[in-house]
Amino acid sequence: MPHPPSIVRARSGDTGAAVPSRSELGAKFERIAADYLRDQGWTIVTRRWRGGGGELDLVAVEGEILVFVEVKASMAPGFAPEENMGTVKQRRLAGAMAAYLDSVGESEDRPCRLDLIAFDSEGMRHHRDIFSE
């Protein structure tokens, strides 16, 4: 009697893996979000910037406003990616935003905001200025 096939798990850097890794999926959704923002007339300044104890998925400019964009995705039924934006995550993002402004010589007085782009089985949602919600 033949043995059932073993479960294949993808690792970062695997080629031809049946299931993409978490980081590969994250990069895919970040690319989709960046393309969406470009289509809206935004300029993407950088992707996956690290510093200040956190990571900024996208840094973009909309008009005169510097926008930090967090990209979240979940395909699990009944779980919205927005639910994964707790206080600790928001603090990390605030620290990363301040570190980014400092690293590029921008004043903390520059108009900026944090947006969230969420992906799930129902599609994509763009939440603007989530710190003010």
C-alpha atoms as a PDB file:
ATOM      1  CA  MET A   1       0.000   0.000   0.000  1.00  0.00           C
ATOM      2  CA  PRO A   2       1.504   3.395  -0.965  1.00  0.00           C
ATOM      3  CA  HIS A   3       2.214   5.997   1.680  1.00  0.00           C
ATOM      4  CA  PRO A   4       0.304   9.283   1.544  1.00  0.00           C
ATOM      5  CA  PRO A   5       2.353  12.216   0.270  1.00  0.00           C
ATOM      6  CA  SER A   6       4.116  14.214   2.921  1.00  0.00           C
ATOM      7  CA  ILE A   7       3.061  17.777   3.628  1.00  0.00           C
ATOM      8  CA  VAL A   8       5.215  20.281   1.790  1.00  0.00           C
ATOM      9  CA  ARG A   9       6.060  23.444   3.671  1.00  0.00           C
ATOM     10  CA  ALA A  10       7.662  26.371   1.907  1.00  0.00           C
ATOM     11  CA  ARG A  11      10.770  28.027   3.243  1.00  0.00           C
ATOM     12  CA  SER A  12      11.995  31.429   2.301  1.00  0.00           C
ATOM     13  CA  GLY A  13      14.126  31.127  -0.799  1.00  0.00           C
ATOM     14  CA  ASP A  14      12.657  27.800  -1.935  1.00  0.00           C
ATOM     15  CA  THR A  15      11.972  27.713  -5.637  1.00  0.00           C
ATOM     16  CA  GLY A  16       9.031  25.777  -6.924  1.00  0.00           C
ATOM     17  CA  ALA A  17       7.523  25.409  -3.457  1.00  0.00           C
ATOM     18  CA  ALA A  18       3.840  24.534  -3.525  1.00  0.00           C
ATOM     19  CA  VAL A  19       2.923  26.986  -0.763  1.00  0.00           C
ATOM     20  CA  PRO A  20       4.397  30.506  -0.576  1.00  0.00           C
ATOM     21  CA  SER A  21       6.088  31.478   2.672  1.00  0.00           C
ATOM     22  CA  ARG A  22       4.656  34.128   4.980  1.00  0.00           C
ATOM     23  CA  SER A  23       7.294  36.660   3.873  1.00  0.00           C
ATOM     24  CA  GLU A  24       6.596  35.914   0.190  1.00  0.00           C
ATOM     25  CA  LEU A  25       2.876  36.486   0.748  1.00  0.00           C
ATOM     26  CA  GLY A  26       3.610  39.693   2.646  1.00  0.00           C
ATOM     27  CA  ALA A  27       5.789  40.951  -0.205  1.00  0.00           C
ATOM     28  CA  LYS A  28       3.056  40.062  -2.710  1.00  0.00           C
ATOM     29  CA  PHE A  29       0.390  42.043  -0.838  1.00  0.00           C
ATOM     30  CA  GLU A  30       2.800  44.961  -0.367  1.00  0.00           C
ATOM     31  CA  ARG A  31       3.394  45.012  -4.150  1.00  0.00           C
ATOM     32  CA  ILE A  32      -0.356  45.006  -4.793  1.00  0.00           C
ATOM     33  CA  ALA A  33      -0.837  47.832  -2.274  1.00  0.00           C
ATOM     34  CA  ALA A  34       2.015  49.848  -3.826  1.00  0.00           C
ATOM     35  CA  ASP A  35       0.536  49.385  -7.310  1.00  0.00           C
ATOM     36  CA  TYR A  36      -2.875  50.512  -6.020  1.00  0.00           C
ATOM     37  CA  LEU A  37      -1.374  53.641  -4.446  1.00  0.00           C
ATOM     38  CA  ARG A  38       0.598  54.473  -7.612  1.00  0.00           C
ATOM     39  CA  ASP A  39      -2.640  54.129  -9.594  1.00  0.00           C
ATOM     40  CA  GLN A  40      -4.135  56.711  -7.199  1.00  0.00           C
ATOM     41  CA  GLY A  41      -1.325  59.127  -8.097  1.00  0.00           C
ATOM     42  CA  TRP A  42       0.838  58.537  -5.018  1.00  0.00           C
ATOM     43  CA  THR A  43       4.633  58.294  -5.091  1.00  0.00           C
ATOM     44  CA  ILE A  44       6.181  55.305  -3.306  1.00  0.00           C
ATOM     45  CA  VAL A  45       9.294  56.506  -1.476  1.00  0.00           C
ATOM     46  CA  THR A  46      10.483  53.228   0.048  1.00  0.00           C
ATOM     47  CA  ARG A  47       9.366  49.734   1.019  1.00  0.00           C
ATOM     48  CA  ARG A  48      10.139  47.636   4.089  1.00  0.00           C
ATOM     49  CA  TRP A  49      12.060  50.328   5.949  1.00  0.00           C
ATOM     50  CA  ARG A  50      13.365  49.146   9.350  1.00  0.00           C
ATOM     51  CA  GLY A  51      14.273  51.271  12.325  1.00  0.00           C
ATOM     52  CA  GLY A  52      13.063  52.614  15.638  1.00  0.00           C
ATOM     53  CA  GLY A  53      12.027  49.139  16.768  1.00  0.00           C
ATOM     54  CA  GLY A  54       9.637  48.508  13.892  1.00  0.00           C
ATOM     55  CA  GLU A  55       9.180  48.111  10.160  1.00  0.00           C
ATOM     56  CA  LEU A  56       7.320  50.404   7.779  1.00  0.00           C
ATOM     57  CA  ASP A  57       5.803  48.379   4.940  1.00  0.00           C
ATOM     58  CA  LEU A  58       5.451  51.356   2.602  1.00  0.00           C
ATOM     59  CA  VAL A  59       6.356  55.022   2.807  1.00  0.00           C
ATOM     60  CA  ALA A  60       4.553  57.132   0.225  1.00  0.00           C
ATOM     61  CA  VAL A  61       3.664  60.696  -0.640  1.00  0.00           C
ATOM     62  CA  GLU A  62       0.102  61.797  -1.373  1.00  0.00           C
ATOM     63  CA  GLY A  63       0.195  65.442  -2.406  1.00  0.00           C
ATOM     64  CA  GLU A  64       2.209  67.149   0.348  1.00  0.00           C
ATOM     65  CA  ILE A  65       1.496  64.468   2.970  1.00  0.00           C
ATOM     66  CA  LEU A  66       4.006  61.772   3.879  1.00  0.00           C
ATOM     67  CA  VAL A  67       2.002  58.587   4.411  1.00  0.00           C
ATOM     68  CA  PHE A  68       3.240  55.513   6.251  1.00  0.00           C
ATOM     69  CA  VAL A  69       1.285  52.478   5.074  1.00  0.00           C
ATOM     70  CA  GLU A  70       0.877  49.269   7.055  1.00  0.00           C
ATOM     71  CA  VAL A  71      -0.203  46.306   4.914  1.00  0.00           C
ATOM     72  CA  LYS A  72      -2.061  43.448   6.616  1.00  0.00           C
ATOM     73  CA  ALA A  73      -3.552  40.303   5.106  1.00  0.00           C
ATOM     74  CA  SER A  74      -5.529  37.364   6.431  1.00  0.00           C
ATOM     75  CA  MET A  75      -7.422  34.748   4.505  1.00  0.00           C
ATOM     76  CA  ALA A  76      -8.690  33.032   7.665  1.00  0.00           C
ATOM     77  CA  PRO A  77     -12.496  33.009   7.725  1.00  0.00           C
ATOM     78  CA  GLY A  78     -13.991  35.321  10.326  1.00  0.00           C
ATOM     79  CA  PHE A  79     -10.738  37.166  11.028  1.00  0.00           C
ATOM     80  CA  ALA A  80     -10.266  40.694   9.727  1.00  0.00           C
ATOM     81  CA  PRO A  81      -6.643  41.829   9.313  1.00  0.00           C
ATOM     82  CA  GLU A  82      -7.604  45.099  11.011  1.00  0.00           C
ATOM     83  CA  GLU A  83      -7.955  43.135  14.264  1.00  0.00           C
ATOM     84  CA  ASN A  84      -4.174  42.682  14.281  1.00  0.00           C
ATOM     85  CA  MET A  85      -3.476  46.398  14.841  1.00  0.00           C
ATOM     86  CA  GLY A  86      -3.325  46.483  18.627  1.00  0.00           C
ATOM     87  CA  THR A  87      -1.740  49.059  20.892  1.00  0.00           C
ATOM     88  CA  VAL A  88       1.702  47.403  20.907  1.00  0.00           C
ATOM     89  CA  LYS A  89       1.809  47.299  17.089  1.00  0.00           C
ATOM     90  CA  GLN A  90       0.713  50.938  16.903  1.00  0.00           C
ATOM     91  CA  ARG A  91       3.464  51.946  19.367  1.00  0.00           C
ATOM     92  CA  ARG A  92       6.074  50.123  17.270  1.00  0.00           C
ATOM     93  CA  LEU A  93       4.841  51.851  14.144  1.00  0.00           C
ATOM     94  CA  ALA A  94       4.913  55.265  15.851  1.00  0.00           C
ATOM     95  CA  GLY A  95       8.534  54.618  16.879  1.00  0.00           C
ATOM     96  CA  ALA A  96       9.449  53.544  13.350  1.00  0.00           C
ATOM     97  CA  MET A  97       7.727  56.614  11.894  1.00  0.00           C
ATOM     98  CA  ALA A  98       9.682  58.958  14.188  1.00  0.00           C
ATOM     99  CA  ALA A  99      12.946  57.136  13.387  1.00  0.00           C
ATOM    100  CA  TYR A 100      12.239  57.380   9.659  1.00  0.00           C
ATOM    101  CA  LEU A 101      11.584  61.130   9.862  1.00  0.00           C
ATOM    102  CA  ASP A 102      14.829  61.555  11.802  1.00  0.00           C
ATOM    103  CA  SER A 103      16.835  59.388   9.372  1.00  0.00           C
ATOM    104  CA  VAL A 104      15.792  61.435   6.341  1.00  0.00           C
ATOM    105  CA  GLY A 105      16.183  64.794   8.085  1.00  0.00           C
ATOM    106  CA  GLU A 106      12.462  65.579   8.164  1.00  0.00           C
ATOM    107  CA  SER A 107      10.869  67.542  10.958  1.00  0.00           C
ATOM    108  CA  GLU A 108       8.301  65.752  13.098  1.00  0.00           C
ATOM    109  CA  ASP A 109       6.105  68.747  12.242  1.00  0.00           C
ATOM    110  CA  ARG A 110       5.838  67.570   8.630  1.00  0.00           C
ATOM    111  CA  PRO A 111       2.266  66.582   7.761  1.00  0.00           C
ATOM    112  CA  CYS A 112       2.137  62.797   7.908  1.00  0.00           C
ATOM    113  CA  ARG A 113      -0.261  60.020   8.779  1.00  0.00           C
ATOM    114  CA  LEU A 114      -0.548  56.246   9.095  1.00  0.00           C
ATOM    115  CA  ASP A 115      -2.826  54.341   6.724  1.00  0.00           C
ATOM    116  CA  LEU A 116      -3.750  50.660   6.769  1.00  0.00           C
ATOM    117  CA  ILE A 117      -4.383  48.577   3.674  1.00  0.00           C
ATOM    118  CA  ALA A 118      -6.094  45.320   4.618  1.00  0.00           C
ATOM    119  CA  PHE A 119      -6.562  42.253   2.425  1.00  0.00           C
ATOM    120  CA  ASP A 120      -8.863  39.331   3.124  1.00  0.00           C
ATOM    121  CA  SER A 121     -11.026  36.887   1.184  1.00  0.00           C
ATOM    122  CA  GLU A 122     -13.489  39.712   0.458  1.00  0.00           C
ATOM    123  CA  GLY A 123     -10.902  42.006  -1.122  1.00  0.00           C
ATOM    124  CA  MET A 124      -8.893  45.077  -0.190  1.00  0.00           C
ATOM    125  CA  ARG A 125      -9.777  47.971   2.136  1.00  0.00           C
ATOM    126  CA  HIS A 126      -7.845  51.221   2.531  1.00  0.00           C
ATOM    127  CA  HIS A 127      -8.205  52.867   5.959  1.00  0.00           C
ATOM    128  CA  ARG A 128      -6.803  56.401   6.078  1.00  0.00           C
ATOM    129  CA  ASP A 129      -5.238  58.051   9.118  1.00  0.00           C
ATOM    130  CA  ILE A 130      -5.811  55.170  11.521  1.00  0.00           C
ATOM    131  CA  PHE A 131      -4.248  57.000  14.482  1.00  0.00           C
ATOM    132  CA  SER A 132      -7.151  59.451  14.389  1.00  0.00           C
ATOM    133  CA  GLU A 133      -9.816  56.689  14.508  1.00  0.00           C
END
